[in-house]
Amino acid sequence: MSWQLWVLIALAAAGVLLLAVARMRHARKVFDDITDLEHTPASTPADSPADELARARARARAAHPEPGRHRRHG
């Protein structure tokens, strides 16, 4: 009966190893995409949520140029 426990442990270890390998391959692809100098990024639409957030932050900075000025202690 103890050999069954070892088989179970070996199967679990193999599963964890396969999961780690799959995640490392994905991470390598992402890293290669980021560091590829000749890669041209796909065009993103002008109304993407990231652009909206950037515009909102720019408006907030323009409205309040020094946001920390009124937070002084003492």
PDB file of N, CA and C in Angstrom:
ATOM      1  N   MET A   1       0.814  -1.188   0.000  1.00  0.00           N
ATOM      2  CA  MET A   1       0.000   0.000   0.000  1.00  0.00           C
ATOM      3  C   MET A   1       0.866   1.264   0.000  1.00  0.00           C
ATOM      4  N   SER A   2       2.081   1.191   0.487  1.00  0.00           N
ATOM      5  CA  SER A   2       2.929   2.376   0.509  1.00  0.00           C
ATOM      6  C   SER A   2       3.380   2.757  -0.899  1.00  0.00           C
ATOM      7  N   TRP A   3       3.445   1.777  -1.811  1.00  0.00           N
ATOM      8  CA  TRP A   3       3.847   2.121  -3.176  1.00  0.00           C
ATOM      9  C   TRP A   3       2.786   2.993  -3.852  1.00  0.00           C
ATOM     10  N   GLN A   4       1.546   2.832  -3.449  1.00  0.00           N
ATOM     11  CA  GLN A   4       0.477   3.650  -4.017  1.00  0.00           C
ATOM     12  C   GLN A   4       0.626   5.118  -3.606  1.00  0.00           C
ATOM     13  N   LEU A   5       1.087   5.316  -2.382  1.00  0.00           N
ATOM     14  CA  LEU A   5       1.333   6.675  -1.924  1.00  0.00           C
ATOM     15  C   LEU A   5       2.455   7.311  -2.736  1.00  0.00           C
ATOM     16  N   TRP A   6       3.506   6.544  -3.027  1.00  0.00           N
ATOM     17  CA  TRP A   6       4.615   7.065  -3.816  1.00  0.00           C
ATOM     18  C   TRP A   6       4.184   7.366  -5.247  1.00  0.00           C
ATOM     19  N   VAL A   7       3.302   6.536  -5.786  1.00  0.00           N
ATOM     20  CA  VAL A   7       2.785   6.805  -7.127  1.00  0.00           C
ATOM     21  C   VAL A   7       1.973   8.101  -7.120  1.00  0.00           C
ATOM     22  N   LEU A   8       1.156   8.281  -6.117  1.00  0.00           N
ATOM     23  CA  LEU A   8       0.369   9.504  -5.992  1.00  0.00           C
ATOM     24  C   LEU A   8       1.273  10.732  -5.861  1.00  0.00           C
ATOM     25  N   ILE A   9       2.312  10.619  -5.062  1.00  0.00           N
ATOM     26  CA  ILE A   9       3.255  11.736  -4.886  1.00  0.00           C
ATOM     27  C   ILE A   9       3.971  12.029  -6.205  1.00  0.00           C
ATOM     28  N   ALA A  10       4.363  10.978  -6.924  1.00  0.00           N
ATOM     29  CA  ALA A  10       5.054  11.168  -8.204  1.00  0.00           C
ATOM     30  C   ALA A  10       4.130  11.828  -9.231  1.00  0.00           C
ATOM     31  N   LEU A  11       2.880  11.427  -9.264  1.00  0.00           N
ATOM     32  CA  LEU A  11       1.926  12.050 -10.186  1.00  0.00           C
ATOM     33  C   LEU A  11       1.687  13.520  -9.845  1.00  0.00           C
ATOM     34  N   ALA A  12       1.579  13.816  -8.576  1.00  0.00           N
ATOM     35  CA  ALA A  12       1.395  15.206  -8.151  1.00  0.00           C
ATOM     36  C   ALA A  12       2.630  16.042  -8.517  1.00  0.00           C
ATOM     37  N   ALA A  13       3.818  15.491  -8.302  1.00  0.00           N
ATOM     38  CA  ALA A  13       5.045  16.209  -8.642  1.00  0.00           C
ATOM     39  C   ALA A  13       5.143  16.433 -10.147  1.00  0.00           C
ATOM     40  N   ALA A  14       4.758  15.430 -10.926  1.00  0.00           N
ATOM     41  CA  ALA A  14       4.782  15.578 -12.383  1.00  0.00           C
ATOM     42  C   ALA A  14       3.789  16.652 -12.824  1.00  0.00           C
ATOM     43  N   GLY A  15       2.632  16.703 -12.215  1.00  0.00           N
ATOM     44  CA  GLY A  15       1.651  17.726 -12.544  1.00  0.00           C
ATOM     45  C   GLY A  15       2.156  19.123 -12.220  1.00  0.00           C
ATOM     46  N   VAL A  16       2.765  19.263 -11.067  1.00  0.00           N
ATOM     47  CA  VAL A  16       3.318  20.570 -10.677  1.00  0.00           C
ATOM     48  C   VAL A  16       4.437  20.965 -11.633  1.00  0.00           C
ATOM     49  N   LEU A  17       5.272  20.010 -12.023  1.00  0.00           N
ATOM     50  CA  LEU A  17       6.368  20.281 -12.944  1.00  0.00           C
ATOM     51  C   LEU A  17       5.832  20.710 -14.312  1.00  0.00           C
ATOM     52  N   LEU A  18       4.809  20.036 -14.808  1.00  0.00           N
ATOM     53  CA  LEU A  18       4.225  20.413 -16.098  1.00  0.00           C
ATOM     54  C   LEU A  18       3.591  21.795 -16.035  1.00  0.00           C
ATOM     55  N   LEU A  19       2.948  22.108 -14.937  1.00  0.00           N
ATOM     56  CA  LEU A  19       2.362  23.433 -14.767  1.00  0.00           C
ATOM     57  C   LEU A  19       3.448  24.508 -14.757  1.00  0.00           C
ATOM     58  N   ALA A  20       4.538  24.247 -14.054  1.00  0.00           N
ATOM     59  CA  ALA A  20       5.639  25.208 -13.995  1.00  0.00           C
ATOM     60  C   ALA A  20       6.262  25.416 -15.372  1.00  0.00           C
ATOM     61  N   VAL A  21       6.433  24.340 -16.126  1.00  0.00           N
ATOM     62  CA  VAL A  21       7.011  24.445 -17.463  1.00  0.00           C
ATOM     63  C   VAL A  21       6.098  25.256 -18.375  1.00  0.00           C
ATOM     64  N   ALA A  22       4.810  25.011 -18.297  1.00  0.00           N
ATOM     65  CA  ALA A  22       3.861  25.759 -19.130  1.00  0.00           C
ATOM     66  C   ALA A  22       3.895  27.243 -18.788  1.00  0.00           C
ATOM     67  N   ARG A  23       3.951  27.565 -17.514  1.00  0.00           N
ATOM     68  CA  ARG A  23       3.986  28.980 -17.117  1.00  0.00           C
ATOM     69  C   ARG A  23       5.303  29.633 -17.511  1.00  0.00           C
ATOM     70  N   MET A  24       6.399  28.912 -17.428  1.00  0.00           N
ATOM     71  CA  MET A  24       7.689  29.477 -17.825  1.00  0.00           C
ATOM     72  C   MET A  24       7.738  29.718 -19.332  1.00  0.00           C
ATOM     73  N   ARG A  25       7.141  28.829 -20.114  1.00  0.00           N
ATOM     74  CA  ARG A  25       7.094  29.045 -21.566  1.00  0.00           C
ATOM     75  C   ARG A  25       6.289  30.292 -21.891  1.00  0.00           C
ATOM     76  N   HIS A  26       5.174  30.458 -21.218  1.00  0.00           N
ATOM     77  CA  HIS A  26       4.360  31.645 -21.445  1.00  0.00           C
ATOM     78  C   HIS A  26       5.124  32.906 -21.030  1.00  0.00           C
ATOM     79  N   ALA A  27       5.795  32.839 -19.901  1.00  0.00           N
ATOM     80  CA  ALA A  27       6.567  33.991 -19.432  1.00  0.00           C
ATOM     81  C   ALA A  27       7.683  34.321 -20.417  1.00  0.00           C
ATOM     82  N   ARG A  28       8.305  33.309 -20.991  1.00  0.00           N
ATOM     83  CA  ARG A  28       9.366  33.534 -21.968  1.00  0.00           C
ATOM     84  C   ARG A  28       8.813  34.219 -23.222  1.00  0.00           C
ATOM     85  N   LYS A  29       7.636  33.794 -23.671  1.00  0.00           N
ATOM     86  CA  LYS A  29       7.024  34.428 -24.843  1.00  0.00           C
ATOM     87  C   LYS A  29       6.715  35.894 -24.562  1.00  0.00           C
ATOM     88  N   VAL A  30       6.174  36.170 -23.380  1.00  0.00           N
ATOM     89  CA  VAL A  30       5.864  37.552 -23.019  1.00  0.00           C
ATOM     90  C   VAL A  30       7.142  38.375 -22.939  1.00  0.00           C
ATOM     91  N   PHE A  31       8.180  37.823 -22.339  1.00  0.00           N
ATOM     92  CA  PHE A  31       9.455  38.530 -22.226  1.00  0.00           C
ATOM     93  C   PHE A  31      10.030  38.811 -23.607  1.00  0.00           C
ATOM     94  N   ASP A  32       9.979  37.824 -24.499  1.00  0.00           N
ATOM     95  CA  ASP A  32      10.490  38.026 -25.855  1.00  0.00           C
ATOM     96  C   ASP A  32       9.684  39.089 -26.596  1.00  0.00           C
ATOM     97  N   ASP A  33       8.374  39.113 -26.390  1.00  0.00           N
ATOM     98  CA  ASP A  33       7.552  40.141 -27.034  1.00  0.00           C
ATOM     99  C   ASP A  33       7.902  41.532 -26.524  1.00  0.00           C
ATOM    100  N   ILE A  34       8.177  41.636 -25.251  1.00  0.00           N
ATOM    101  CA  ILE A  34       8.500  42.941 -24.674  1.00  0.00           C
ATOM    102  C   ILE A  34       9.865  43.423 -25.131  1.00  0.00           C
ATOM    103  N   THR A  35      10.840  42.529 -25.196  1.00  0.00           N
ATOM    104  CA  THR A  35      12.208  42.935 -25.485  1.00  0.00           C
ATOM    105  C   THR A  35      12.561  42.900 -26.956  1.00  0.00           C
ATOM    106  N   ASP A  36      11.648  42.474 -27.832  1.00  0.00           N
ATOM    107  CA  ASP A  36      11.926  42.425 -29.264  1.00  0.00           C
ATOM    108  C   ASP A  36      11.952  43.846 -29.811  1.00  0.00           C
ATOM    109  N   LEU A  37      13.122  44.276 -30.296  1.00  0.00           N
ATOM    110  CA  LEU A  37      13.278  45.645 -30.771  1.00  0.00           C
ATOM    111  C   LEU A  37      12.664  45.856 -32.150  1.00  0.00           C
ATOM    112  N   GLU A  38      12.605  44.830 -32.961  1.00  0.00           N
ATOM    113  CA  GLU A  38      12.081  44.971 -34.307  1.00  0.00           C
ATOM    114  C   GLU A  38      10.571  44.757 -34.370  1.00  0.00           C
ATOM    115  N   HIS A  39       9.983  44.432 -33.261  1.00  0.00           N
ATOM    116  CA  HIS A  39       8.547  44.162 -33.213  1.00  0.00           C
ATOM    117  C   HIS A  39       7.786  45.474 -33.194  1.00  0.00           C
ATOM    118  N   THR A  40       6.832  45.609 -34.092  1.00  0.00           N
ATOM    119  CA  THR A  40       5.986  46.795 -34.083  1.00  0.00           C
ATOM    120  C   THR A  40       4.684  46.434 -33.390  1.00  0.00           C
ATOM    121  N   PRO A  41       4.312  47.157 -32.374  1.00  0.00           N
ATOM    122  CA  PRO A  41       3.077  46.825 -31.652  1.00  0.00           C
ATOM    123  C   PRO A  41       1.863  47.050 -32.541  1.00  0.00           C
ATOM    124  N   ALA A  42       0.860  46.262 -32.278  1.00  0.00           N
ATOM    125  CA  ALA A  42      -0.397  46.411 -33.021  1.00  0.00           C
ATOM    126  C   ALA A  42      -1.015  47.752 -32.683  1.00  0.00           C
ATOM    127  N   SER A  43      -1.645  48.347 -33.650  1.00  0.00           N
ATOM    128  CA  SER A  43      -2.257  49.650 -33.395  1.00  0.00           C
ATOM    129  C   SER A  43      -3.413  49.483 -32.423  1.00  0.00           C
ATOM    130  N   THR A  44      -3.455  50.370 -31.455  1.00  0.00           N
ATOM    131  CA  THR A  44      -4.518  50.323 -30.464  1.00  0.00           C
ATOM    132  C   THR A  44      -5.520  51.410 -30.783  1.00  0.00           C
ATOM    133  N   PRO A  45      -6.776  51.158 -30.568  1.00  0.00           N
ATOM    134  CA  PRO A  45      -7.774  52.199 -30.833  1.00  0.00           C
ATOM    135  C   PRO A  45      -7.563  53.397 -29.915  1.00  0.00           C
ATOM    136  N   ALA A  46      -7.909  54.564 -30.399  1.00  0.00           N
ATOM    137  CA  ALA A  46      -7.687  55.801 -29.635  1.00  0.00           C
ATOM    138  C   ALA A  46      -8.580  55.880 -28.407  1.00  0.00           C
ATOM    139  N   ASP A  47      -9.674  55.156 -28.397  1.00  0.00           N
ATOM    140  CA  ASP A  47     -10.604  55.223 -27.274  1.00  0.00           C
ATOM    141  C   ASP A  47     -10.441  54.052 -26.324  1.00  0.00           C
ATOM    142  N   SER A  48      -9.229  53.573 -26.157  1.00  0.00           N
ATOM    143  CA  SER A  48      -9.022  52.454 -25.237  1.00  0.00           C
ATOM    144  C   SER A  48      -9.136  52.951 -23.804  1.00  0.00           C
ATOM    145  N   PRO A  49      -9.460  52.073 -22.850  1.00  0.00           N
ATOM    146  CA  PRO A  49      -9.613  52.491 -21.450  1.00  0.00           C
ATOM    147  C   PRO A  49      -8.334  53.101 -20.874  1.00  0.00           C
ATOM    148  N   ALA A  50      -7.174  52.640 -21.324  1.00  0.00           N
ATOM    149  CA  ALA A  50      -5.929  53.206 -20.806  1.00  0.00           C
ATOM    150  C   ALA A  50      -5.785  54.661 -21.227  1.00  0.00           C
ATOM    151  N   ASP A  51      -6.174  54.974 -22.452  1.00  0.00           N
ATOM    152  CA  ASP A  51      -6.110  56.359 -22.909  1.00  0.00           C
ATOM    153  C   ASP A  51      -7.092  57.239 -22.144  1.00  0.00           C
ATOM    154  N   GLU A  52      -8.255  56.709 -21.860  1.00  0.00           N
ATOM    155  CA  GLU A  52      -9.229  57.469 -21.088  1.00  0.00           C
ATOM    156  C   GLU A  52      -8.693  57.776 -19.697  1.00  0.00           C
ATOM    157  N   LEU A  53      -8.042  56.807 -19.093  1.00  0.00           N
ATOM    158  CA  LEU A  53      -7.459  57.010 -17.773  1.00  0.00           C
ATOM    159  C   LEU A  53      -6.349  58.052 -17.827  1.00  0.00           C
ATOM    160  N   ALA A  54      -5.525  58.006 -18.861  1.00  0.00           N
ATOM    161  CA  ALA A  54      -4.453  58.989 -18.995  1.00  0.00           C
ATOM    162  C   ALA A  54      -5.017  60.393 -19.169  1.00  0.00           C
ATOM    163  N   ARG A  55      -6.077  60.520 -19.964  1.00  0.00           N
ATOM    164  CA  ARG A  55      -6.691  61.842 -20.136  1.00  0.00           C
ATOM    165  C   ARG A  55      -7.311  62.350 -18.834  1.00  0.00           C
ATOM    166  N   ALA A  56      -7.932  61.450 -18.079  1.00  0.00           N
ATOM    167  CA  ALA A  56      -8.527  61.857 -16.804  1.00  0.00           C
ATOM    168  C   ALA A  56      -7.456  62.307 -15.820  1.00  0.00           C
ATOM    169  N   ARG A  57      -6.342  61.601 -15.790  1.00  0.00           N
ATOM    170  CA  ARG A  57      -5.247  62.011 -14.896  1.00  0.00           C
ATOM    171  C   ARG A  57      -4.666  63.350 -15.319  1.00  0.00           C
ATOM    172  N   ALA A  58      -4.533  63.579 -16.622  1.00  0.00           N
ATOM    173  CA  ALA A  58      -4.009  64.854 -17.108  1.00  0.00           C
ATOM    174  C   ALA A  58      -4.954  65.989 -16.729  1.00  0.00           C
ATOM    175  N   ARG A  59      -6.277  65.753 -16.841  1.00  0.00           N
ATOM    176  CA  ARG A  59      -7.236  66.789 -16.431  1.00  0.00           C
ATOM    177  C   ARG A  59      -7.134  67.071 -14.934  1.00  0.00           C
ATOM    178  N   ALA A  60      -6.957  66.028 -14.135  1.00  0.00           N
ATOM    179  CA  ALA A  60      -6.855  66.209 -12.691  1.00  0.00           C
ATOM    180  C   ALA A  60      -5.594  66.989 -12.332  1.00  0.00           C
ATOM    181  N   ARG A  61      -4.495  66.705 -13.024  1.00  0.00           N
ATOM    182  CA  ARG A  61      -3.259  67.446 -12.762  1.00  0.00           C
ATOM    183  C   ARG A  61      -3.401  68.897 -13.165  1.00  0.00           C
ATOM    184  N   ALA A  62      -4.104  69.157 -14.264  1.00  0.00           N
ATOM    185  CA  ALA A  62      -4.292  70.534 -14.715  1.00  0.00           C
ATOM    186  C   ALA A  62      -5.190  71.296 -13.740  1.00  0.00           C
ATOM    187  N   ALA A  63      -6.179  70.637 -13.174  1.00  0.00           N
ATOM    188  CA  ALA A  63      -7.093  71.302 -12.249  1.00  0.00           C
ATOM    189  C   ALA A  63      -6.439  71.565 -10.896  1.00  0.00           C
ATOM    190  N   HIS A  64      -5.587  70.661 -10.448  1.00  0.00           N
ATOM    191  CA  HIS A  64      -4.918  70.784  -9.153  1.00  0.00           C
ATOM    192  C   HIS A  64      -3.425  70.590  -9.355  1.00  0.00           C
ATOM    193  N   PRO A  65      -2.681  71.666  -9.675  1.00  0.00           N
ATOM    194  CA  PRO A  65      -1.254  71.508  -9.973  1.00  0.00           C
ATOM    195  C   PRO A  65      -0.420  71.020  -8.786  1.00  0.00           C
ATOM    196  N   GLU A  66      -0.804  71.359  -7.563  1.00  0.00           N
ATOM    197  CA  GLU A  66      -0.063  70.914  -6.385  1.00  0.00           C
ATOM    198  C   GLU A  66      -1.026  70.218  -5.428  1.00  0.00           C
ATOM    199  N   PRO A  67      -1.298  68.935  -5.624  1.00  0.00           N
ATOM    200  CA  PRO A  67      -2.306  68.279  -4.794  1.00  0.00           C
ATOM    201  C   PRO A  67      -1.884  68.085  -3.347  1.00  0.00           C
ATOM    202  N   GLY A  68      -0.603  68.072  -3.032  1.00  0.00           N
ATOM    203  CA  GLY A  68      -0.160  67.826  -1.687  1.00  0.00           C
ATOM    204  C   GLY A  68       0.033  69.071  -0.866  1.00  0.00           C
ATOM    205  N   ARG A  69      -0.204  70.241  -1.427  1.00  0.00           N
ATOM    206  CA  ARG A  69       0.094  71.504  -0.740  1.00  0.00           C
ATOM    207  C   ARG A  69      -0.765  71.716   0.493  1.00  0.00           C
ATOM    208  N   HIS A  70      -2.008  71.348   0.438  1.00  0.00           N
ATOM    209  CA  HIS A  70      -2.907  71.578   1.571  1.00  0.00           C
ATOM    210  C   HIS A  70      -2.833  70.460   2.610  1.00  0.00           C
ATOM    211  N   ARG A  71      -1.971  69.496   2.436  1.00  0.00           N
ATOM    212  CA  ARG A  71      -1.895  68.372   3.353  1.00  0.00           C
ATOM    213  C   ARG A  71      -0.721  68.482   4.320  1.00  0.00           C
ATOM    214  N   ARG A  72      -0.206  69.640   4.511  1.00  0.00           N
ATOM    215  CA  ARG A  72       0.938  69.809   5.409  1.00  0.00           C
ATOM    216  C   ARG A  72       0.511  69.620   6.848  1.00  0.00           C
ATOM    217  N   HIS A  73       1.403  69.052   7.625  1.00  0.00           N
ATOM    218  CA  HIS A  73       1.158  68.867   9.059  1.00  0.00           C
ATOM    219  C   HIS A  73       2.015  69.859   9.822  1.00  0.00           C
ATOM    220  N   GLY A  74       1.435  70.473  10.829  1.00  0.00           N
ATOM    221  CA  GLY A  74       2.241  71.328  11.671  1.00  0.00           C
ATOM    222  C   GLY A  74       1.943  72.718  11.647  1.00  0.00           C
TER     223      GLY A  74
END
